[in-house]
Amino acid sequence: FSTSIMTSGVNVPLIELINAGIEDRNGVRQINGITFNVTRGEFVCLQGPTGSGKSLALNMIAGIKRPSFGQIFVAGDCINDFTERQMLFVRRSMGIMIQECLLLEDRTIAENIMLPALASEESYGEARARADRAMKECGIEDLAAKYPAALSAGQKQIACLARAIVNRPVVVLADEPCAHLDIDNAQHLMDLLGNVSLTGVSVIVASHIELYPNTAACRPIMLNG
């Protein structure tokens, strides 16, 4: 891993996809190649119809799915052939919000938010301090001792955002974060994501709706599949 994701040069796009995509078992391309780049601290919203590759782009950036063709660069390094161990290192610098918010029902919100820090081998005390800071940044300190069942859909998504930023990532990948929210809660969540980008974190949102943060500039990217 020749270039640290934390210290790559400002002139190098943090994320870059060049004609990247997936083929099925018969070698048929499922979508057209995806090409776009994201600079450090930029807020980007991937848009397009179902099947256009919005979620796939995020999965390829995170190394959850490997491209059959094209190239994917993170901090200047092509990650196509990274080992799973190398991708684990890369993912530690990413905050990931998957489409279905998954919170462990038998743990408090604070304990859920601590999980990525604990997975990064931080001490319990440091993990809790990071969780407290993330909850404060997202305005949900009062939910720390509650369990997921007591939260609204909007509160659960904000908790997932807090969990995504608990390790101070350099990029947040959010897959349809507003899919099950009413317009007010959706806008609030997008504004919180905008605040995250203002701290220098790149934010890439995949969304089928045209909704942008009021708190930060956003560059829409249309994917056509």
C-alpha atoms as a PDB file:
ATOM      1  CA  PHE A   1       0.000   0.000   0.000  1.00  0.00           C
ATOM      2  CA  SER A   2       2.299   2.682  -1.343  1.00  0.00           C
ATOM      3  CA  THR A   3       0.345   5.811  -0.436  1.00  0.00           C
ATOM      4  CA  SER A   4      -1.323   6.314   2.928  1.00  0.00           C
ATOM      5  CA  ILE A   5      -5.010   7.094   2.613  1.00  0.00           C
ATOM      6  CA  MET A   6      -4.561   9.525   5.474  1.00  0.00           C
ATOM      7  CA  THR A   7      -1.750  11.548   3.898  1.00  0.00           C
ATOM      8  CA  SER A   8      -2.133  11.336   0.129  1.00  0.00           C
ATOM      9  CA  GLY A   9      -1.288  14.478  -1.821  1.00  0.00           C
ATOM     10  CA  VAL A  10      -3.986  17.097  -2.219  1.00  0.00           C
ATOM     11  CA  ASN A  11      -3.678  16.902  -6.017  1.00  0.00           C
ATOM     12  CA  VAL A  12      -4.529  13.204  -6.067  1.00  0.00           C
ATOM     13  CA  PRO A  13      -8.267  12.382  -6.084  1.00  0.00           C
ATOM     14  CA  LEU A  14      -9.141  10.547  -2.901  1.00  0.00           C
ATOM     15  CA  ILE A  15     -11.454   8.206  -4.820  1.00  0.00           C
ATOM     16  CA  GLU A  16     -11.398   7.507  -8.558  1.00  0.00           C
ATOM     17  CA  LEU A  17     -13.324   4.984 -10.645  1.00  0.00           C
ATOM     18  CA  ILE A  18     -12.296   4.528 -14.273  1.00  0.00           C
ATOM     19  CA  ASN A  19     -14.745   2.530 -16.421  1.00  0.00           C
ATOM     20  CA  ALA A  20     -15.308   0.145 -13.484  1.00  0.00           C
ATOM     21  CA  GLY A  21     -18.037  -2.467 -13.344  1.00  0.00           C
ATOM     22  CA  ILE A  22     -19.087  -6.075 -12.949  1.00  0.00           C
ATOM     23  CA  GLU A  23     -19.608  -8.900 -15.447  1.00  0.00           C
ATOM     24  CA  ASP A  24     -21.843 -11.909 -14.888  1.00  0.00           C
ATOM     25  CA  ARG A  25     -20.609 -15.499 -15.188  1.00  0.00           C
ATOM     26  CA  ASN A  26     -21.057 -15.378 -18.947  1.00  0.00           C
ATOM     27  CA  GLY A  27     -18.857 -12.330 -19.267  1.00  0.00           C
ATOM     28  CA  VAL A  28     -21.802 -10.014 -19.939  1.00  0.00           C
ATOM     29  CA  ARG A  29     -21.477  -6.560 -18.395  1.00  0.00           C
ATOM     30  CA  GLN A  30     -24.260  -5.884 -15.911  1.00  0.00           C
ATOM     31  CA  ILE A  31     -23.821  -2.110 -16.261  1.00  0.00           C
ATOM     32  CA  ASN A  32     -21.791   0.318 -18.314  1.00  0.00           C
ATOM     33  CA  GLY A  33     -18.436   1.227 -16.842  1.00  0.00           C
ATOM     34  CA  ILE A  34     -18.637   3.773 -13.998  1.00  0.00           C
ATOM     35  CA  THR A  35     -16.258   6.726 -14.135  1.00  0.00           C
ATOM     36  CA  PHE A  36     -16.010   9.545 -11.596  1.00  0.00           C
ATOM     37  CA  ASN A  37     -13.649  10.924  -8.967  1.00  0.00           C
ATOM     38  CA  VAL A  38     -14.005  12.546  -5.566  1.00  0.00           C
ATOM     39  CA  THR A  39     -11.567  14.966  -3.991  1.00  0.00           C
ATOM     40  CA  ARG A  40     -10.744  15.231  -0.299  1.00  0.00           C
ATOM     41  CA  GLY A  41     -13.540  16.906   1.658  1.00  0.00           C
ATOM     42  CA  GLU A  42     -15.982  16.859  -1.264  1.00  0.00           C
ATOM     43  CA  PHE A  43     -19.669  15.944  -0.972  1.00  0.00           C
ATOM     44  CA  VAL A  44     -20.868  13.884  -3.935  1.00  0.00           C
ATOM     45  CA  CYS A  45     -24.335  12.455  -4.554  1.00  0.00           C
ATOM     46  CA  LEU A  46     -24.596   9.515  -6.958  1.00  0.00           C
ATOM     47  CA  GLN A  47     -27.959   9.520  -8.680  1.00  0.00           C
ATOM     48  CA  GLY A  48     -29.700   7.441 -11.302  1.00  0.00           C
ATOM     49  CA  PRO A  49     -32.431   4.834 -11.773  1.00  0.00           C
ATOM     50  CA  THR A  50     -32.473   1.435 -10.088  1.00  0.00           C
ATOM     51  CA  GLY A  51     -29.745  -0.714 -11.621  1.00  0.00           C
ATOM     52  CA  SER A  52     -27.574   2.207 -12.680  1.00  0.00           C
ATOM     53  CA  GLY A  53     -24.751   1.162 -10.352  1.00  0.00           C
ATOM     54  CA  LYS A  54     -25.070   3.573  -7.417  1.00  0.00           C
ATOM     55  CA  SER A  55     -24.791   0.934  -4.693  1.00  0.00           C
ATOM     56  CA  LEU A  56     -22.333  -1.093  -6.755  1.00  0.00           C
ATOM     57  CA  ALA A  57     -19.986   1.899  -6.956  1.00  0.00           C
ATOM     58  CA  LEU A  58     -19.916   2.172  -3.156  1.00  0.00           C
ATOM     59  CA  ASN A  59     -19.408  -1.579  -2.762  1.00  0.00           C
ATOM     60  CA  MET A  60     -16.477  -1.502  -5.187  1.00  0.00           C
ATOM     61  CA  ILE A  61     -14.879   1.460  -3.419  1.00  0.00           C
ATOM     62  CA  ALA A  62     -15.131  -0.419  -0.124  1.00  0.00           C
ATOM     63  CA  GLY A  63     -13.786  -3.612  -1.694  1.00  0.00           C
ATOM     64  CA  ILE A  64     -16.961  -5.516  -0.822  1.00  0.00           C
ATOM     65  CA  LYS A  65     -17.295  -6.312  -4.525  1.00  0.00           C
ATOM     66  CA  ARG A  66     -14.336  -6.491  -6.879  1.00  0.00           C
ATOM     67  CA  PRO A  67     -14.628  -5.008 -10.384  1.00  0.00           C
ATOM     68  CA  SER A  68     -14.492  -7.365 -13.353  1.00  0.00           C
ATOM     69  CA  PHE A  69     -13.232  -4.542 -15.540  1.00  0.00           C
ATOM     70  CA  GLY A  70     -11.939  -1.022 -15.107  1.00  0.00           C
ATOM     71  CA  GLN A  71      -9.930   0.384 -12.227  1.00  0.00           C
ATOM     72  CA  ILE A  72     -10.623   1.765  -8.766  1.00  0.00           C
ATOM     73  CA  PHE A  73      -8.148   4.039  -7.009  1.00  0.00           C
ATOM     74  CA  VAL A  74      -8.135   5.028  -3.346  1.00  0.00           C
ATOM     75  CA  ALA A  75      -5.657   7.743  -2.403  1.00  0.00           C
ATOM     76  CA  GLY A  76      -3.767   7.105  -5.634  1.00  0.00           C
ATOM     77  CA  ASP A  77      -3.466   3.336  -5.220  1.00  0.00           C
ATOM     78  CA  CYS A  78      -5.301   0.895  -7.493  1.00  0.00           C
ATOM     79  CA  ILE A  79      -7.168  -1.456  -5.140  1.00  0.00           C
ATOM     80  CA  ASN A  80      -8.409  -3.940  -7.764  1.00  0.00           C
ATOM     81  CA  ASP A  81      -6.017  -6.672  -6.691  1.00  0.00           C
ATOM     82  CA  PHE A  82      -5.606  -5.797  -3.019  1.00  0.00           C
ATOM     83  CA  THR A  83      -5.711  -8.753  -0.669  1.00  0.00           C
ATOM     84  CA  GLU A  84      -8.497  -8.861   1.906  1.00  0.00           C
ATOM     85  CA  ARG A  85      -5.928  -7.899   4.550  1.00  0.00           C
ATOM     86  CA  GLN A  86      -4.977  -4.809   2.539  1.00  0.00           C
ATOM     87  CA  MET A  87      -8.648  -3.942   2.022  1.00  0.00           C
ATOM     88  CA  LEU A  88      -9.264  -4.271   5.739  1.00  0.00           C
ATOM     89  CA  PHE A  89      -6.656  -1.557   6.272  1.00  0.00           C
ATOM     90  CA  VAL A  90      -8.317   0.637   3.639  1.00  0.00           C
ATOM     91  CA  ARG A  91     -11.808   0.115   5.098  1.00  0.00           C
ATOM     92  CA  ARG A  92     -10.585   1.252   8.500  1.00  0.00           C
ATOM     93  CA  SER A  93     -10.250   4.705   6.970  1.00  0.00           C
ATOM     94  CA  MET A  94     -13.845   4.579   5.698  1.00  0.00           C
ATOM     95  CA  GLY A  95     -17.164   5.072   7.422  1.00  0.00           C
ATOM     96  CA  ILE A  96     -19.833   2.897   5.819  1.00  0.00           C
ATOM     97  CA  MET A  97     -23.605   3.352   6.094  1.00  0.00           C
ATOM     98  CA  ILE A  98     -25.281   0.388   4.426  1.00  0.00           C
ATOM     99  CA  GLN A  99     -28.767   0.613   2.938  1.00  0.00           C
ATOM    100  CA  GLU A 100     -30.487  -1.232   5.776  1.00  0.00           C
ATOM    101  CA  CYS A 101     -29.458   0.276   9.091  1.00  0.00           C
ATOM    102  CA  LEU A 102     -28.296  -2.632  11.247  1.00  0.00           C
ATOM    103  CA  LEU A 103     -28.042  -1.899  14.957  1.00  0.00           C
ATOM    104  CA  LEU A 104     -27.609  -4.704  17.481  1.00  0.00           C
ATOM    105  CA  GLU A 105     -30.869  -4.818  19.409  1.00  0.00           C
ATOM    106  CA  ASP A 106     -29.277  -6.123  22.617  1.00  0.00           C
ATOM    107  CA  ARG A 107     -26.806  -3.233  22.894  1.00  0.00           C
ATOM    108  CA  THR A 108     -27.346   0.395  23.745  1.00  0.00           C
ATOM    109  CA  ILE A 109     -26.860   3.078  21.129  1.00  0.00           C
ATOM    110  CA  ALA A 110     -23.528   4.041  22.674  1.00  0.00           C
ATOM    111  CA  GLU A 111     -22.392   0.404  22.588  1.00  0.00           C
ATOM    112  CA  ASN A 112     -23.453   0.103  18.935  1.00  0.00           C
ATOM    113  CA  ILE A 113     -21.540   3.221  17.980  1.00  0.00           C
ATOM    114  CA  MET A 114     -18.426   1.987  19.796  1.00  0.00           C
ATOM    115  CA  LEU A 115     -18.182  -1.198  17.701  1.00  0.00           C
ATOM    116  CA  PRO A 116     -15.936   0.072  14.858  1.00  0.00           C
ATOM    117  CA  ALA A 117     -13.504   1.545  17.391  1.00  0.00           C
ATOM    118  CA  LEU A 118     -13.360  -1.728  19.298  1.00  0.00           C
ATOM    119  CA  ALA A 119     -12.865  -3.577  16.011  1.00  0.00           C
ATOM    120  CA  SER A 120      -9.878  -1.306  15.377  1.00  0.00           C
ATOM    121  CA  GLU A 121      -8.429  -2.595  18.663  1.00  0.00           C
ATOM    122  CA  GLU A 122      -8.969   0.596  20.619  1.00  0.00           C
ATOM    123  CA  SER A 123      -9.389   0.271  24.369  1.00  0.00           C
ATOM    124  CA  TYR A 124     -12.889   0.292  25.802  1.00  0.00           C
ATOM    125  CA  GLY A 125     -12.292   3.719  27.316  1.00  0.00           C
ATOM    126  CA  GLU A 126     -11.049   5.211  24.035  1.00  0.00           C
ATOM    127  CA  ALA A 127     -13.902   3.577  22.100  1.00  0.00           C
ATOM    128  CA  ARG A 128     -16.445   5.076  24.502  1.00  0.00           C
ATOM    129  CA  ALA A 129     -14.795   8.495  24.271  1.00  0.00           C
ATOM    130  CA  ARG A 130     -14.965   8.330  20.478  1.00  0.00           C
ATOM    131  CA  ALA A 131     -18.599   7.257  20.638  1.00  0.00           C
ATOM    132  CA  ASP A 132     -19.452  10.134  22.965  1.00  0.00           C
ATOM    133  CA  ARG A 133     -17.776  12.576  20.582  1.00  0.00           C
ATOM    134  CA  ALA A 134     -19.583  11.142  17.550  1.00  0.00           C
ATOM    135  CA  MET A 135     -22.953  11.264  19.314  1.00  0.00           C
ATOM    136  CA  LYS A 136     -22.339  14.883  20.297  1.00  0.00           C
ATOM    137  CA  GLU A 137     -21.456  15.804  16.713  1.00  0.00           C
ATOM    138  CA  CYS A 138     -24.702  14.192  15.547  1.00  0.00           C
ATOM    139  CA  GLY A 139     -26.795  15.674  18.347  1.00  0.00           C
ATOM    140  CA  ILE A 140     -27.915  12.369  19.871  1.00  0.00           C
ATOM    141  CA  GLU A 141     -26.121  12.387  23.232  1.00  0.00           C
ATOM    142  CA  ASP A 142     -29.484  11.851  24.935  1.00  0.00           C
ATOM    143  CA  LEU A 143     -29.915   8.529  23.153  1.00  0.00           C
ATOM    144  CA  ALA A 144     -26.709   6.941  24.469  1.00  0.00           C
ATOM    145  CA  ALA A 145     -28.367   4.633  27.018  1.00  0.00           C
ATOM    146  CA  LYS A 146     -31.392   3.740  24.889  1.00  0.00           C
ATOM    147  CA  TYR A 147     -31.798   0.556  22.870  1.00  0.00           C
ATOM    148  CA  PRO A 148     -32.562   0.530  19.122  1.00  0.00           C
ATOM    149  CA  ALA A 149     -36.176  -0.561  19.636  1.00  0.00           C
ATOM    150  CA  ALA A 150     -36.884   2.738  21.390  1.00  0.00           C
ATOM    151  CA  LEU A 151     -35.651   4.863  18.470  1.00  0.00           C
ATOM    152  CA  SER A 152     -37.509   6.252  15.476  1.00  0.00           C
ATOM    153  CA  ALA A 153     -36.321   5.458  11.955  1.00  0.00           C
ATOM    154  CA  GLY A 154     -34.666   8.859  11.720  1.00  0.00           C
ATOM    155  CA  GLN A 155     -32.869   8.445  15.037  1.00  0.00           C
ATOM    156  CA  LYS A 156     -31.603   5.014  13.978  1.00  0.00           C
ATOM    157  CA  GLN A 157     -30.111   6.466  10.799  1.00  0.00           C
ATOM    158  CA  ILE A 158     -28.392   9.226  12.766  1.00  0.00           C
ATOM    159  CA  ALA A 159     -27.001   6.570  15.112  1.00  0.00           C
ATOM    160  CA  CYS A 160     -25.675   4.732  12.046  1.00  0.00           C
ATOM    161  CA  LEU A 161     -24.034   7.970  10.910  1.00  0.00           C
ATOM    162  CA  ALA A 162     -22.432   8.409  14.331  1.00  0.00           C
ATOM    163  CA  ARG A 163     -21.132   4.838  14.094  1.00  0.00           C
ATOM    164  CA  ALA A 164     -19.751   5.566  10.608  1.00  0.00           C
ATOM    165  CA  ILE A 165     -17.727   8.571  11.827  1.00  0.00           C
ATOM    166  CA  VAL A 166     -16.604   7.156  15.179  1.00  0.00           C
ATOM    167  CA  ASN A 167     -13.122   6.306  13.840  1.00  0.00           C
ATOM    168  CA  ARG A 168     -12.617   9.694  12.168  1.00  0.00           C
ATOM    169  CA  PRO A 169     -12.712   8.315   8.603  1.00  0.00           C
ATOM    170  CA  VAL A 170     -11.419  10.204   5.580  1.00  0.00           C
ATOM    171  CA  VAL A 171     -14.441   9.130   3.514  1.00  0.00           C
ATOM    172  CA  VAL A 172     -18.036   8.230   4.377  1.00  0.00           C
ATOM    173  CA  LEU A 173     -19.960   5.951   2.008  1.00  0.00           C
ATOM    174  CA  ALA A 174     -23.729   6.221   2.519  1.00  0.00           C
ATOM    175  CA  ASP A 175     -25.992   3.890   0.526  1.00  0.00           C
ATOM    176  CA  GLU A 176     -29.568   5.234   0.310  1.00  0.00           C
ATOM    177  CA  PRO A 177     -29.409   6.714   3.827  1.00  0.00           C
ATOM    178  CA  CYS A 178     -32.769   8.492   3.408  1.00  0.00           C
ATOM    179  CA  ALA A 179     -34.682   5.639   1.771  1.00  0.00           C
ATOM    180  CA  HIS A 180     -37.139   5.039   4.630  1.00  0.00           C
ATOM    181  CA  LEU A 181     -37.328   8.540   6.090  1.00  0.00           C
ATOM    182  CA  ASP A 182     -39.902  11.291   5.712  1.00  0.00           C
ATOM    183  CA  ILE A 183     -38.704  14.472   4.045  1.00  0.00           C
ATOM    184  CA  ASP A 184     -37.919  16.346   7.279  1.00  0.00           C
ATOM    185  CA  ASN A 185     -35.825  13.535   8.754  1.00  0.00           C
ATOM    186  CA  ALA A 186     -34.181  12.923   5.389  1.00  0.00           C
ATOM    187  CA  GLN A 187     -33.155  16.571   5.103  1.00  0.00           C
ATOM    188  CA  HIS A 188     -31.839  16.584   8.669  1.00  0.00           C
ATOM    189  CA  LEU A 189     -29.700  13.527   7.951  1.00  0.00           C
ATOM    190  CA  MET A 190     -28.353  15.057   4.736  1.00  0.00           C
ATOM    191  CA  ASP A 191     -27.506  18.243   6.621  1.00  0.00           C
ATOM    192  CA  LEU A 192     -25.587  16.198   9.196  1.00  0.00           C
ATOM    193  CA  LEU A 193     -23.693  14.479   6.376  1.00  0.00           C
ATOM    194  CA  GLY A 194     -22.967  17.942   5.005  1.00  0.00           C
ATOM    195  CA  ASN A 195     -21.511  18.950   8.360  1.00  0.00           C
ATOM    196  CA  VAL A 196     -19.264  15.883   8.223  1.00  0.00           C
ATOM    197  CA  SER A 197     -17.886  16.975   4.845  1.00  0.00           C
ATOM    198  CA  LEU A 198     -17.097  20.423   6.260  1.00  0.00           C
ATOM    199  CA  THR A 199     -14.562  18.755   8.585  1.00  0.00           C
ATOM    200  CA  GLY A 200     -12.556  17.606   5.545  1.00  0.00           C
ATOM    201  CA  VAL A 201     -14.171  14.187   5.171  1.00  0.00           C
ATOM    202  CA  SER A 202     -15.230  13.134   1.679  1.00  0.00           C
ATOM    203  CA  VAL A 203     -18.872  12.040   1.601  1.00  0.00           C
ATOM    204  CA  ILE A 204     -20.322   9.868  -1.173  1.00  0.00           C
ATOM    205  CA  VAL A 205     -24.074   9.339  -0.999  1.00  0.00           C
ATOM    206  CA  ALA A 206     -25.942   6.951  -3.297  1.00  0.00           C
ATOM    207  CA  SER A 207     -29.544   8.085  -3.568  1.00  0.00           C
ATOM    208  CA  HIS A 208     -32.506   7.633  -5.892  1.00  0.00           C
ATOM    209  CA  ILE A 209     -33.979  10.963  -4.731  1.00  0.00           C
ATOM    210  CA  GLU A 210     -32.676  14.449  -5.456  1.00  0.00           C
ATOM    211  CA  LEU A 211     -31.987  15.722  -1.968  1.00  0.00           C
ATOM    212  CA  TYR A 212     -28.956  17.802  -1.056  1.00  0.00           C
ATOM    213  CA  PRO A 213     -27.549  19.187   2.196  1.00  0.00           C
ATOM    214  CA  ASN A 214     -28.225  22.776   3.151  1.00  0.00           C
ATOM    215  CA  THR A 215     -24.989  22.838   5.111  1.00  0.00           C
ATOM    216  CA  ALA A 216     -22.440  22.085   2.368  1.00  0.00           C
ATOM    217  CA  ALA A 217     -21.956  22.230  -1.379  1.00  0.00           C
ATOM    218  CA  CYS A 218     -22.891  19.015  -3.175  1.00  0.00           C
ATOM    219  CA  ARG A 219     -21.873  17.763  -6.618  1.00  0.00           C
ATOM    220  CA  PRO A 220     -24.476  15.457  -8.219  1.00  0.00           C
ATOM    221  CA  ILE A 221     -23.160  12.670 -10.449  1.00  0.00           C
ATOM    222  CA  MET A 222     -25.682  10.943 -12.703  1.00  0.00           C
ATOM    223  CA  LEU A 223     -25.146   7.256 -13.409  1.00  0.00           C
ATOM    224  CA  ASN A 224     -27.040   5.812 -16.337  1.00  0.00           C
ATOM    225  CA  GLY A 225     -26.212   2.142 -16.030  1.00  0.00           C
END
